[in-house]
Amino acid sequence: MVTTESLSAQRSGTGWAWVRLLAGAGILGFLLWRVGTGPFLDGLRLIDGTALAAALGIGLFTTVCCAWRWSLIAGGLGVRLPLASAVARCYRAVFLNATLPGGVLGDVERAVQHGRDAGDVGRGIRAVVWERTAGQVVLLVVAAVLLLVLPSPVRPYLPGVIAVLVAVGGVVALLLWALPRAGSARWTRPLRTLATDLRHGVLGRRTWLGVVLASALVVAGHLATFLVAARTAGATASLAELVPLTLLALLAMGVPANVGGFGPREGVAAWAFGAAGLTAAQGVATAMVYGALVLVASLPGAAVLVLRRPGRVRATSRAGRSPAPH
């Protein structure tokens, strides 16, 4: 039976999706007004076989690293996920993310499907959420370090921002660490589950080092792809100049307001390149080439989607039981 609350939530979700889509379209429209269509098209015309081959190779590397991270976290949560199956599922997800609206439907599909195959949809979903979260946290840490060391438009403001983020993160970590020892009030149960997942799935003795290493390698791969895009689009600045700018564009990709992945990335790239003494047009061209290379790198996922369905996997622990401490 459809309730008023479910209808309200559905309308709210649909409304938010439209807001994100319109925000992304607004950013692209503003950029078209300011720099014209030239930067959007010129960079794409410069893409050659070397750039495409590099994108495919780097894409394979980063996909395997993401799959490794996911497999480690899923195992920590108590659901088995072989690396080969994780790679196939990740390729499917990357392709669906790049071609379907919203940019996250591929991750939703792999989370739910893995949970169903493992006999525990909740853990399957949480494993993907933690896998994505771990990647974003490592990206933020790497970005903070490099943006502090290398010259960038945001360098003067970073110490204060980092101090606030560290303080907030410390408070949240302490609360999560203490809550499982608290009473059994209903409102604390999701937080206790979250804390248990964090301890065993992400920070377990057998998982945390691999998760950090895999995440760092993924960030390196994304940076390498962005640098290939910059060179392909004609940027001649040094690596020390380009790395901070590409990091800012990568961080902007986490903003949930885009049209097929385009929007905030191009806007931040235009601003960052312009603020660094290059040109906004160069930033837009670089971001557009990056988007095209990412799409090309995702194409093996189309083949996986058509040719095979990743095999079923079984949970290593019964539903409802907490994973063994690592």
C-alpha atoms as a PDB file:
ATOM      1  CA  MET A   1       0.000   0.000   0.000  1.00  0.00           C
ATOM      2  CA  VAL A   2       1.348   3.401  -0.984  1.00  0.00           C
ATOM      3  CA  THR A   3       1.401   5.751   1.972  1.00  0.00           C
ATOM      4  CA  THR A   4       1.394   9.520   2.073  1.00  0.00           C
ATOM      5  CA  GLU A   5       4.912   9.437   3.510  1.00  0.00           C
ATOM      6  CA  SER A   6       6.237   7.263   0.663  1.00  0.00           C
ATOM      7  CA  LEU A   7       4.629   9.515  -1.949  1.00  0.00           C
ATOM      8  CA  SER A   8       6.116  12.559  -0.245  1.00  0.00           C
ATOM      9  CA  ALA A   9       9.574  10.956  -0.174  1.00  0.00           C
ATOM     10  CA  GLN A  10       9.247   9.982  -3.838  1.00  0.00           C
ATOM     11  CA  ARG A  11       8.303  13.519  -4.823  1.00  0.00           C
ATOM     12  CA  SER A  12      11.159  14.896  -2.732  1.00  0.00           C
ATOM     13  CA  GLY A  13      13.652  12.561  -4.443  1.00  0.00           C
ATOM     14  CA  THR A  14      12.351  13.478  -7.891  1.00  0.00           C
ATOM     15  CA  GLY A  15      12.467  17.176  -7.044  1.00  0.00           C
ATOM     16  CA  TRP A  16      16.046  16.917  -5.802  1.00  0.00           C
ATOM     17  CA  ALA A  17      17.052  15.086  -8.985  1.00  0.00           C
ATOM     18  CA  TRP A  18      15.616  17.913 -11.052  1.00  0.00           C
ATOM     19  CA  VAL A  19      17.421  20.493  -8.920  1.00  0.00           C
ATOM     20  CA  ARG A  20      20.755  18.724  -9.493  1.00  0.00           C
ATOM     21  CA  LEU A  21      20.113  18.422 -13.222  1.00  0.00           C
ATOM     22  CA  LEU A  22      19.128  22.074 -13.570  1.00  0.00           C
ATOM     23  CA  ALA A  23      22.141  23.184 -11.513  1.00  0.00           C
ATOM     24  CA  GLY A  24      24.486  21.259 -13.794  1.00  0.00           C
ATOM     25  CA  ALA A  25      22.760  22.644 -16.884  1.00  0.00           C
ATOM     26  CA  GLY A  26      23.019  26.146 -15.416  1.00  0.00           C
ATOM     27  CA  ILE A  27      26.781  25.788 -14.928  1.00  0.00           C
ATOM     28  CA  LEU A  28      27.241  24.566 -18.485  1.00  0.00           C
ATOM     29  CA  GLY A  29      25.019  27.357 -19.814  1.00  0.00           C
ATOM     30  CA  PHE A  30      27.041  29.975 -17.939  1.00  0.00           C
ATOM     31  CA  LEU A  31      30.301  28.565 -19.311  1.00  0.00           C
ATOM     32  CA  LEU A  32      28.916  28.569 -22.857  1.00  0.00           C
ATOM     33  CA  TRP A  33      27.953  32.199 -22.393  1.00  0.00           C
ATOM     34  CA  ARG A  34      31.375  33.173 -21.042  1.00  0.00           C
ATOM     35  CA  VAL A  35      33.772  31.167 -23.238  1.00  0.00           C
ATOM     36  CA  GLY A  36      31.628  30.066 -26.179  1.00  0.00           C
ATOM     37  CA  THR A  37      31.470  26.639 -27.783  1.00  0.00           C
ATOM     38  CA  GLY A  38      35.118  26.656 -28.912  1.00  0.00           C
ATOM     39  CA  PRO A  39      36.715  25.188 -25.753  1.00  0.00           C
ATOM     40  CA  PHE A  40      34.018  22.509 -25.574  1.00  0.00           C
ATOM     41  CA  LEU A  41      34.772  21.306 -29.099  1.00  0.00           C
ATOM     42  CA  ASP A  42      38.425  22.164 -29.742  1.00  0.00           C
ATOM     43  CA  GLY A  43      39.816  19.834 -27.093  1.00  0.00           C
ATOM     44  CA  LEU A  44      37.699  16.926 -28.318  1.00  0.00           C
ATOM     45  CA  ARG A  45      39.070  17.364 -31.848  1.00  0.00           C
ATOM     46  CA  LEU A  46      42.606  16.948 -30.508  1.00  0.00           C
ATOM     47  CA  ILE A  47      41.996  13.533 -28.956  1.00  0.00           C
ATOM     48  CA  ASP A  48      44.205  10.999 -30.737  1.00  0.00           C
ATOM     49  CA  GLY A  49      44.976   7.296 -30.543  1.00  0.00           C
ATOM     50  CA  THR A  50      47.717   7.804 -27.964  1.00  0.00           C
ATOM     51  CA  ALA A  51      45.336   9.569 -25.578  1.00  0.00           C
ATOM     52  CA  LEU A  52      42.670   6.912 -26.077  1.00  0.00           C
ATOM     53  CA  ALA A  53      45.140   4.084 -25.444  1.00  0.00           C
ATOM     54  CA  ALA A  54      46.399   5.830 -22.317  1.00  0.00           C
ATOM     55  CA  ALA A  55      42.815   6.282 -21.075  1.00  0.00           C
ATOM     56  CA  LEU A  56      42.020   2.594 -21.597  1.00  0.00           C
ATOM     57  CA  GLY A  57      45.216   1.482 -19.846  1.00  0.00           C
ATOM     58  CA  ILE A  58      44.791   3.814 -16.894  1.00  0.00           C
ATOM     59  CA  GLY A  59      41.107   2.904 -16.734  1.00  0.00           C
ATOM     60  CA  LEU A  60      41.981  -0.779 -16.419  1.00  0.00           C
ATOM     61  CA  PHE A  61      44.461   0.012 -13.643  1.00  0.00           C
ATOM     62  CA  THR A  62      42.051   2.175 -11.628  1.00  0.00           C
ATOM     63  CA  THR A  63      39.160  -0.279 -12.099  1.00  0.00           C
ATOM     64  CA  VAL A  64      41.229  -3.159 -10.745  1.00  0.00           C
ATOM     65  CA  CYS A  65      42.286  -1.013  -7.778  1.00  0.00           C
ATOM     66  CA  CYS A  66      38.665  -0.044  -7.059  1.00  0.00           C
ATOM     67  CA  ALA A  67      37.656  -3.699  -7.288  1.00  0.00           C
ATOM     68  CA  TRP A  68      40.448  -4.700  -4.900  1.00  0.00           C
ATOM     69  CA  ARG A  69      39.315  -2.042  -2.397  1.00  0.00           C
ATOM     70  CA  TRP A  70      35.700  -3.210  -2.687  1.00  0.00           C
ATOM     71  CA  SER A  71      36.678  -6.864  -2.275  1.00  0.00           C
ATOM     72  CA  LEU A  72      38.674  -6.072   0.858  1.00  0.00           C
ATOM     73  CA  ILE A  73      35.865  -4.066   2.458  1.00  0.00           C
ATOM     74  CA  ALA A  74      33.183  -6.601   1.529  1.00  0.00           C
ATOM     75  CA  GLY A  75      35.293  -9.357   3.080  1.00  0.00           C
ATOM     76  CA  GLY A  76      35.715  -7.286   6.226  1.00  0.00           C
ATOM     77  CA  LEU A  77      31.929  -6.938   6.450  1.00  0.00           C
ATOM     78  CA  GLY A  78      31.502 -10.699   6.116  1.00  0.00           C
ATOM     79  CA  VAL A  79      30.483 -11.157   2.468  1.00  0.00           C
ATOM     80  CA  ARG A  80      32.808 -12.869   0.034  1.00  0.00           C
ATOM     81  CA  LEU A  81      33.626 -11.063  -3.206  1.00  0.00           C
ATOM     82  CA  PRO A  82      36.303 -12.593  -5.467  1.00  0.00           C
ATOM     83  CA  LEU A  83      38.534 -10.040  -7.193  1.00  0.00           C
ATOM     84  CA  ALA A  84      37.659 -11.218 -10.728  1.00  0.00           C
ATOM     85  CA  SER A  85      33.942 -10.797 -10.015  1.00  0.00           C
ATOM     86  CA  ALA A  86      34.591  -7.405  -8.419  1.00  0.00           C
ATOM     87  CA  VAL A  87      36.495  -6.207 -11.509  1.00  0.00           C
ATOM     88  CA  ALA A  88      33.647  -7.243 -13.836  1.00  0.00           C
ATOM     89  CA  ARG A  89      31.051  -5.592 -11.591  1.00  0.00           C
ATOM     90  CA  CYS A  90      33.125  -2.406 -11.290  1.00  0.00           C
ATOM     91  CA  TYR A  91      33.483  -2.139 -15.065  1.00  0.00           C
ATOM     92  CA  ARG A  92      29.709  -2.492 -15.427  1.00  0.00           C
ATOM     93  CA  ALA A  93      29.203   0.179 -12.783  1.00  0.00           C
ATOM     94  CA  VAL A  94      31.689   2.606 -14.370  1.00  0.00           C
ATOM     95  CA  PHE A  95      29.974   2.262 -17.738  1.00  0.00           C
ATOM     96  CA  LEU A  96      26.490   2.720 -16.283  1.00  0.00           C
ATOM     97  CA  ASN A  97      27.645   5.685 -14.182  1.00  0.00           C
ATOM     98  CA  ALA A  98      29.085   7.333 -17.298  1.00  0.00           C
ATOM     99  CA  THR A  99      26.046   6.779 -19.504  1.00  0.00           C
ATOM    100  CA  LEU A 100      22.991   7.002 -17.245  1.00  0.00           C
ATOM    101  CA  PRO A 101      21.600  10.121 -15.534  1.00  0.00           C
ATOM    102  CA  GLY A 102      22.747  10.827 -11.994  1.00  0.00           C
ATOM    103  CA  GLY A 103      26.223   9.326 -12.251  1.00  0.00           C
ATOM    104  CA  VAL A 104      25.647   6.763  -9.459  1.00  0.00           C
ATOM    105  CA  LEU A 105      23.180   4.231 -10.883  1.00  0.00           C
ATOM    106  CA  GLY A 106      25.985   1.820 -11.730  1.00  0.00           C
ATOM    107  CA  ASP A 107      27.126   1.813  -8.114  1.00  0.00           C
ATOM    108  CA  VAL A 108      23.547   1.292  -6.944  1.00  0.00           C
ATOM    109  CA  GLU A 109      23.199  -1.681  -9.306  1.00  0.00           C
ATOM    110  CA  ARG A 110      26.419  -3.351  -8.184  1.00  0.00           C
ATOM    111  CA  ALA A 111      25.584  -2.801  -4.520  1.00  0.00           C
ATOM    112  CA  VAL A 112      22.105  -4.308  -4.731  1.00  0.00           C
ATOM    113  CA  GLN A 113      23.129  -7.152  -7.056  1.00  0.00           C
ATOM    114  CA  HIS A 114      26.092  -8.151  -4.918  1.00  0.00           C
ATOM    115  CA  GLY A 115      23.906  -8.049  -1.822  1.00  0.00           C
ATOM    116  CA  ARG A 116      21.326 -10.294  -3.457  1.00  0.00           C
ATOM    117  CA  ASP A 117      23.953 -12.751  -4.680  1.00  0.00           C
ATOM    118  CA  ALA A 118      25.556 -12.833  -1.231  1.00  0.00           C
ATOM    119  CA  GLY A 119      22.211 -13.258   0.531  1.00  0.00           C
ATOM    120  CA  ASP A 120      22.494  -9.980   2.449  1.00  0.00           C
ATOM    121  CA  VAL A 121      21.413  -6.861   0.538  1.00  0.00           C
ATOM    122  CA  GLY A 122      22.110  -4.610   3.510  1.00  0.00           C
ATOM    123  CA  ARG A 123      25.754  -5.600   3.735  1.00  0.00           C
ATOM    124  CA  GLY A 124      26.110  -5.480  -0.036  1.00  0.00           C
ATOM    125  CA  ILE A 125      24.903  -1.895  -0.080  1.00  0.00           C
ATOM    126  CA  ARG A 126      27.029  -0.901   2.898  1.00  0.00           C
ATOM    127  CA  ALA A 127      30.143  -2.428   1.320  1.00  0.00           C
ATOM    128  CA  VAL A 128      29.766  -0.194  -1.751  1.00  0.00           C
ATOM    129  CA  VAL A 129      28.982   2.871   0.364  1.00  0.00           C
ATOM    130  CA  TRP A 130      32.126   2.283   2.436  1.00  0.00           C
ATOM    131  CA  GLU A 131      34.184   1.573  -0.678  1.00  0.00           C
ATOM    132  CA  ARG A 132      33.157   4.876  -2.237  1.00  0.00           C
ATOM    133  CA  THR A 133      33.554   6.742   1.052  1.00  0.00           C
ATOM    134  CA  ALA A 134      37.075   5.388   1.602  1.00  0.00           C
ATOM    135  CA  GLY A 135      38.045   6.544  -1.873  1.00  0.00           C
ATOM    136  CA  GLN A 136      36.699  10.052  -1.254  1.00  0.00           C
ATOM    137  CA  VAL A 137      38.449  10.342   2.108  1.00  0.00           C
ATOM    138  CA  VAL A 138      41.813   9.355   0.624  1.00  0.00           C
ATOM    139  CA  LEU A 139      41.224  11.771  -2.263  1.00  0.00           C
ATOM    140  CA  LEU A 140      40.602  14.584   0.231  1.00  0.00           C
ATOM    141  CA  VAL A 141      43.765  13.731   2.174  1.00  0.00           C
ATOM    142  CA  VAL A 142      45.918  13.539  -0.965  1.00  0.00           C
ATOM    143  CA  ALA A 143      44.391  16.762  -2.263  1.00  0.00           C
ATOM    144  CA  ALA A 144      45.004  18.567   1.037  1.00  0.00           C
ATOM    145  CA  VAL A 145      48.670  17.541   1.088  1.00  0.00           C
ATOM    146  CA  LEU A 146      49.374  18.392  -2.552  1.00  0.00           C
ATOM    147  CA  LEU A 147      47.427  21.649  -2.476  1.00  0.00           C
ATOM    148  CA  LEU A 148      49.430  22.716   0.591  1.00  0.00           C
ATOM    149  CA  VAL A 149      52.754  21.826  -1.024  1.00  0.00           C
ATOM    150  CA  LEU A 150      52.143  23.020  -4.586  1.00  0.00           C
ATOM    151  CA  PRO A 151      51.019  26.508  -5.635  1.00  0.00           C
ATOM    152  CA  SER A 152      47.279  26.769  -6.207  1.00  0.00           C
ATOM    153  CA  PRO A 153      44.497  29.384  -6.031  1.00  0.00           C
ATOM    154  CA  VAL A 154      43.157  27.866  -2.791  1.00  0.00           C
ATOM    155  CA  ARG A 155      46.473  27.472  -0.957  1.00  0.00           C
ATOM    156  CA  PRO A 156      46.039  30.512   1.368  1.00  0.00           C
ATOM    157  CA  TYR A 157      42.709  29.208   2.666  1.00  0.00           C
ATOM    158  CA  LEU A 158      43.634  25.564   3.207  1.00  0.00           C
ATOM    159  CA  PRO A 159      45.049  25.640   6.768  1.00  0.00           C
ATOM    160  CA  GLY A 160      41.792  26.947   8.212  1.00  0.00           C
ATOM    161  CA  VAL A 161      39.635  24.576   6.161  1.00  0.00           C
ATOM    162  CA  ILE A 162      41.775  21.573   7.120  1.00  0.00           C
ATOM    163  CA  ALA A 163      41.671  22.498  10.805  1.00  0.00           C
ATOM    164  CA  VAL A 164      37.863  22.618  10.768  1.00  0.00           C
ATOM    165  CA  LEU A 165      37.582  19.313   8.882  1.00  0.00           C
ATOM    166  CA  VAL A 166      40.016  17.563  11.234  1.00  0.00           C
ATOM    167  CA  ALA A 167      38.125  18.826  14.285  1.00  0.00           C
ATOM    168  CA  VAL A 168      34.765  17.682  12.904  1.00  0.00           C
ATOM    169  CA  GLY A 169      36.214  14.321  11.859  1.00  0.00           C
ATOM    170  CA  GLY A 170      37.733  13.814  15.315  1.00  0.00           C
ATOM    171  CA  VAL A 171      34.434  14.483  17.049  1.00  0.00           C
ATOM    172  CA  VAL A 172      32.551  12.117  14.733  1.00  0.00           C
ATOM    173  CA  ALA A 173      35.182   9.384  15.201  1.00  0.00           C
ATOM    174  CA  LEU A 174      34.981   9.657  18.994  1.00  0.00           C
ATOM    175  CA  LEU A 175      31.207   9.452  18.933  1.00  0.00           C
ATOM    176  CA  LEU A 176      31.268   6.382  16.679  1.00  0.00           C
ATOM    177  CA  TRP A 177      33.862   4.718  18.883  1.00  0.00           C
ATOM    178  CA  ALA A 178      31.864   5.343  22.059  1.00  0.00           C
ATOM    179  CA  LEU A 179      28.325   4.616  20.837  1.00  0.00           C
ATOM    180  CA  PRO A 180      28.587   0.804  20.596  1.00  0.00           C
ATOM    181  CA  ARG A 181      29.305   0.768  24.323  1.00  0.00           C
ATOM    182  CA  ALA A 182      26.217   2.840  25.058  1.00  0.00           C
ATOM    183  CA  GLY A 183      22.736   1.560  25.711  1.00  0.00           C
ATOM    184  CA  SER A 184      20.478  -0.201  23.245  1.00  0.00           C
ATOM    185  CA  ALA A 185      18.244   2.733  22.386  1.00  0.00           C
ATOM    186  CA  ARG A 186      16.689   2.291  18.962  1.00  0.00           C
ATOM    187  CA  TRP A 187      18.187   5.483  17.556  1.00  0.00           C
ATOM    188  CA  THR A 188      21.715   4.284  18.311  1.00  0.00           C
ATOM    189  CA  ARG A 189      21.446   1.006  16.389  1.00  0.00           C
ATOM    190  CA  PRO A 190      22.270   2.409  12.932  1.00  0.00           C
ATOM    191  CA  LEU A 191      25.225   4.259  14.433  1.00  0.00           C
ATOM    192  CA  ARG A 192      26.465   1.106  16.157  1.00  0.00           C
ATOM    193  CA  THR A 193      26.239  -0.742  12.840  1.00  0.00           C
ATOM    194  CA  LEU A 194      28.148   2.080  11.180  1.00  0.00           C
ATOM    195  CA  ALA A 195      30.862   1.958  13.831  1.00  0.00           C
ATOM    196  CA  THR A 196      31.156  -1.841  13.567  1.00  0.00           C
ATOM    197  CA  ASP A 197      31.442  -1.621   9.780  1.00  0.00           C
ATOM    198  CA  LEU A 198      34.132   1.023  10.092  1.00  0.00           C
ATOM    199  CA  ARG A 199      36.173  -1.044  12.536  1.00  0.00           C
ATOM    200  CA  HIS A 200      35.983  -4.349  10.669  1.00  0.00           C
ATOM    201  CA  GLY A 201      35.264  -3.430   7.060  1.00  0.00           C
ATOM    202  CA  VAL A 202      37.531  -0.411   6.555  1.00  0.00           C
ATOM    203  CA  LEU A 203      39.946  -0.244   9.481  1.00  0.00           C
ATOM    204  CA  GLY A 204      40.336  -3.947  10.205  1.00  0.00           C
ATOM    205  CA  ARG A 205      43.888  -5.223  10.560  1.00  0.00           C
ATOM    206  CA  ARG A 206      43.609  -7.187   7.330  1.00  0.00           C
ATOM    207  CA  THR A 207      41.929  -4.455   5.306  1.00  0.00           C
ATOM    208  CA  TRP A 208      43.003  -0.922   6.169  1.00  0.00           C
ATOM    209  CA  LEU A 209      46.422  -0.953   4.497  1.00  0.00           C
ATOM    210  CA  GLY A 210      45.061  -2.420   1.274  1.00  0.00           C
ATOM    211  CA  VAL A 211      42.150   0.034   1.288  1.00  0.00           C
ATOM    212  CA  VAL A 212      44.493   3.012   1.712  1.00  0.00           C
ATOM    213  CA  LEU A 213      46.933   1.753  -0.927  1.00  0.00           C
ATOM    214  CA  ALA A 214      44.211   0.953  -3.445  1.00  0.00           C
ATOM    215  CA  SER A 215      42.585   4.345  -2.874  1.00  0.00           C
ATOM    216  CA  ALA A 216      45.874   6.195  -3.326  1.00  0.00           C
ATOM    217  CA  LEU A 217      46.523   4.325  -6.579  1.00  0.00           C
ATOM    218  CA  VAL A 218      43.030   5.202  -7.821  1.00  0.00           C
ATOM    219  CA  VAL A 219      43.668   8.888  -7.105  1.00  0.00           C
ATOM    220  CA  ALA A 220      46.990   8.641  -8.954  1.00  0.00           C
ATOM    221  CA  GLY A 221      45.208   7.066 -11.920  1.00  0.00           C
ATOM    222  CA  HIS A 222      42.560   9.796 -12.064  1.00  0.00           C
ATOM    223  CA  LEU A 223      45.259  12.457 -11.849  1.00  0.00           C
ATOM    224  CA  ALA A 224      47.207  10.776 -14.636  1.00  0.00           C
ATOM    225  CA  THR A 225      44.099  10.740 -16.842  1.00  0.00           C
ATOM    226  CA  PHE A 226      43.491  14.419 -16.142  1.00  0.00           C
ATOM    227  CA  LEU A 227      47.105  15.248 -17.010  1.00  0.00           C
ATOM    228  CA  VAL A 228      46.775  13.307 -20.275  1.00  0.00           C
ATOM    229  CA  ALA A 229      43.635  15.341 -20.958  1.00  0.00           C
ATOM    230  CA  ALA A 230      45.440  18.597 -20.219  1.00  0.00           C
ATOM    231  CA  ARG A 231      48.314  17.781 -22.565  1.00  0.00           C
ATOM    232  CA  THR A 232      45.860  16.590 -25.227  1.00  0.00           C
ATOM    233  CA  ALA A 233      43.938  19.859 -24.932  1.00  0.00           C
ATOM    234  CA  GLY A 234      47.173  21.790 -25.500  1.00  0.00           C
ATOM    235  CA  ALA A 235      48.156  22.802 -21.960  1.00  0.00           C
ATOM    236  CA  THR A 236      51.911  23.429 -21.768  1.00  0.00           C
ATOM    237  CA  ALA A 237      52.186  24.354 -18.077  1.00  0.00           C
ATOM    238  CA  SER A 238      54.489  22.313 -15.857  1.00  0.00           C
ATOM    239  CA  LEU A 239      53.239  19.341 -13.845  1.00  0.00           C
ATOM    240  CA  ALA A 240      53.697  21.346 -10.633  1.00  0.00           C
ATOM    241  CA  GLU A 241      51.206  23.867 -12.002  1.00  0.00           C
ATOM    242  CA  LEU A 242      48.752  21.387 -13.513  1.00  0.00           C
ATOM    243  CA  VAL A 243      48.473  18.877 -10.650  1.00  0.00           C
ATOM    244  CA  PRO A 244      46.772  21.280  -8.181  1.00  0.00           C
ATOM    245  CA  LEU A 245      44.365  22.482 -10.860  1.00  0.00           C
ATOM    246  CA  THR A 246      43.385  18.968 -11.860  1.00  0.00           C
ATOM    247  CA  LEU A 247      42.935  18.031  -8.200  1.00  0.00           C
ATOM    248  CA  LEU A 248      40.450  20.854  -7.763  1.00  0.00           C
ATOM    249  CA  ALA A 249      38.532  19.638 -10.811  1.00  0.00           C
ATOM    250  CA  LEU A 250      38.531  16.084  -9.435  1.00  0.00           C
ATOM    251  CA  LEU A 251      37.133  17.314  -6.119  1.00  0.00           C
ATOM    252  CA  ALA A 252      34.401  19.185  -7.993  1.00  0.00           C
ATOM    253  CA  MET A 253      33.241  15.906  -9.515  1.00  0.00           C
ATOM    254  CA  GLY A 254      31.891  14.968  -6.086  1.00  0.00           C
ATOM    255  CA  VAL A 255      29.297  17.763  -6.313  1.00  0.00           C
ATOM    256  CA  PRO A 256      25.940  16.068  -7.080  1.00  0.00           C
ATOM    257  CA  ALA A 257      24.858  18.555  -9.764  1.00  0.00           C
ATOM    258  CA  ASN A 258      25.718  17.566 -13.310  1.00  0.00           C
ATOM    259  CA  VAL A 259      24.426  16.622 -16.723  1.00  0.00           C
ATOM    260  CA  GLY A 260      25.898  13.270 -17.680  1.00  0.00           C
ATOM    261  CA  GLY A 261      28.913  14.004 -15.488  1.00  0.00           C
ATOM    262  CA  PHE A 262      29.465  17.464 -16.972  1.00  0.00           C
ATOM    263  CA  GLY A 263      28.966  20.698 -15.051  1.00  0.00           C
ATOM    264  CA  PRO A 264      30.856  21.383 -11.792  1.00  0.00           C
ATOM    265  CA  ARG A 265      34.056  19.791 -13.144  1.00  0.00           C
ATOM    266  CA  GLU A 266      34.121  22.156 -16.119  1.00  0.00           C
ATOM    267  CA  GLY A 267      33.154  25.142 -13.974  1.00  0.00           C
ATOM    268  CA  VAL A 268      35.872  24.593 -11.382  1.00  0.00           C
ATOM    269  CA  ALA A 269      38.453  23.799 -14.072  1.00  0.00           C
ATOM    270  CA  ALA A 270      37.621  27.069 -15.838  1.00  0.00           C
ATOM    271  CA  TRP A 271      37.960  29.037 -12.600  1.00  0.00           C
ATOM    272  CA  ALA A 272      41.116  27.246 -11.417  1.00  0.00           C
ATOM    273  CA  PHE A 273      42.961  27.534 -14.716  1.00  0.00           C
ATOM    274  CA  GLY A 274      42.008  31.202 -14.988  1.00  0.00           C
ATOM    275  CA  ALA A 275      43.009  31.973 -11.379  1.00  0.00           C
ATOM    276  CA  ALA A 276      46.369  30.238 -11.916  1.00  0.00           C
ATOM    277  CA  GLY A 277      47.261  32.539 -14.807  1.00  0.00           C
ATOM    278  CA  LEU A 278      46.210  30.200 -17.597  1.00  0.00           C
ATOM    279  CA  THR A 279      42.848  30.630 -19.325  1.00  0.00           C
ATOM    280  CA  ALA A 280      39.323  29.581 -18.478  1.00  0.00           C
ATOM    281  CA  ALA A 281      38.980  28.215 -22.006  1.00  0.00           C
ATOM    282  CA  GLN A 282      41.975  25.936 -21.410  1.00  0.00           C
ATOM    283  CA  GLY A 283      40.348  24.647 -18.230  1.00  0.00           C
ATOM    284  CA  VAL A 284      37.057  23.894 -19.982  1.00  0.00           C
ATOM    285  CA  ALA A 285      38.836  22.128 -22.846  1.00  0.00           C
ATOM    286  CA  THR A 286      40.855  20.000 -20.414  1.00  0.00           C
ATOM    287  CA  ALA A 287      37.760  18.997 -18.449  1.00  0.00           C
ATOM    288  CA  MET A 288      35.879  18.120 -21.625  1.00  0.00           C
ATOM    289  CA  VAL A 289      38.718  15.923 -22.864  1.00  0.00           C
ATOM    290  CA  TYR A 290      38.861  14.261 -19.446  1.00  0.00           C
ATOM    291  CA  GLY A 291      35.145  13.472 -19.632  1.00  0.00           C
ATOM    292  CA  ALA A 292      35.562  11.951 -23.083  1.00  0.00           C
ATOM    293  CA  LEU A 293      38.567   9.856 -21.986  1.00  0.00           C
ATOM    294  CA  VAL A 294      36.674   8.572 -18.943  1.00  0.00           C
ATOM    295  CA  LEU A 295      33.806   7.535 -21.209  1.00  0.00           C
ATOM    296  CA  VAL A 296      36.216   5.681 -23.488  1.00  0.00           C
ATOM    297  CA  ALA A 297      37.865   4.011 -20.474  1.00  0.00           C
ATOM    298  CA  SER A 298      34.435   2.758 -19.361  1.00  0.00           C
ATOM    299  CA  LEU A 299      33.644   1.015 -22.665  1.00  0.00           C
ATOM    300  CA  PRO A 300      34.918  -2.416 -21.547  1.00  0.00           C
ATOM    301  CA  GLY A 301      32.046  -2.245 -19.082  1.00  0.00           C
ATOM    302  CA  ALA A 302      29.624  -2.282 -22.016  1.00  0.00           C
ATOM    303  CA  ALA A 303      31.182  -5.533 -23.189  1.00  0.00           C
ATOM    304  CA  VAL A 304      30.881  -7.002 -19.685  1.00  0.00           C
ATOM    305  CA  LEU A 305      27.257  -5.885 -19.556  1.00  0.00           C
ATOM    306  CA  VAL A 306      26.461  -7.604 -22.854  1.00  0.00           C
ATOM    307  CA  LEU A 307      28.614 -10.727 -22.667  1.00  0.00           C
ATOM    308  CA  ARG A 308      28.360 -11.899 -19.092  1.00  0.00           C
ATOM    309  CA  ARG A 309      26.757 -11.537 -15.736  1.00  0.00           C
ATOM    310  CA  PRO A 310      29.235 -11.779 -12.853  1.00  0.00           C
ATOM    311  CA  GLY A 311      28.894 -15.069 -11.012  1.00  0.00           C
ATOM    312  CA  ARG A 312      26.995 -15.383  -7.810  1.00  0.00           C
ATOM    313  CA  VAL A 313      28.881 -15.231  -4.535  1.00  0.00           C
ATOM    314  CA  ARG A 314      27.962 -16.486  -1.109  1.00  0.00           C
ATOM    315  CA  ALA A 315      28.161 -14.756   2.229  1.00  0.00           C
ATOM    316  CA  THR A 316      30.928 -15.904   4.512  1.00  0.00           C
ATOM    317  CA  SER A 317      28.771 -15.298   7.574  1.00  0.00           C
ATOM    318  CA  ARG A 318      25.073 -15.633   8.234  1.00  0.00           C
ATOM    319  CA  ALA A 319      22.846 -12.616   7.864  1.00  0.00           C
ATOM    320  CA  GLY A 320      22.462 -10.826  11.143  1.00  0.00           C
ATOM    321  CA  ARG A 321      25.826 -11.858  12.542  1.00  0.00           C
ATOM    322  CA  SER A 322      28.614  -9.367  13.000  1.00  0.00           C
ATOM    323  CA  PRO A 323      31.811 -10.063  11.054  1.00  0.00           C
ATOM    324  CA  ALA A 324      34.640 -11.554  13.039  1.00  0.00           C
ATOM    325  CA  PRO A 325      37.100  -8.981  14.382  1.00  0.00           C
ATOM    326  CA  HIS A 326      40.214  -8.521  12.248  1.00  0.00           C
END
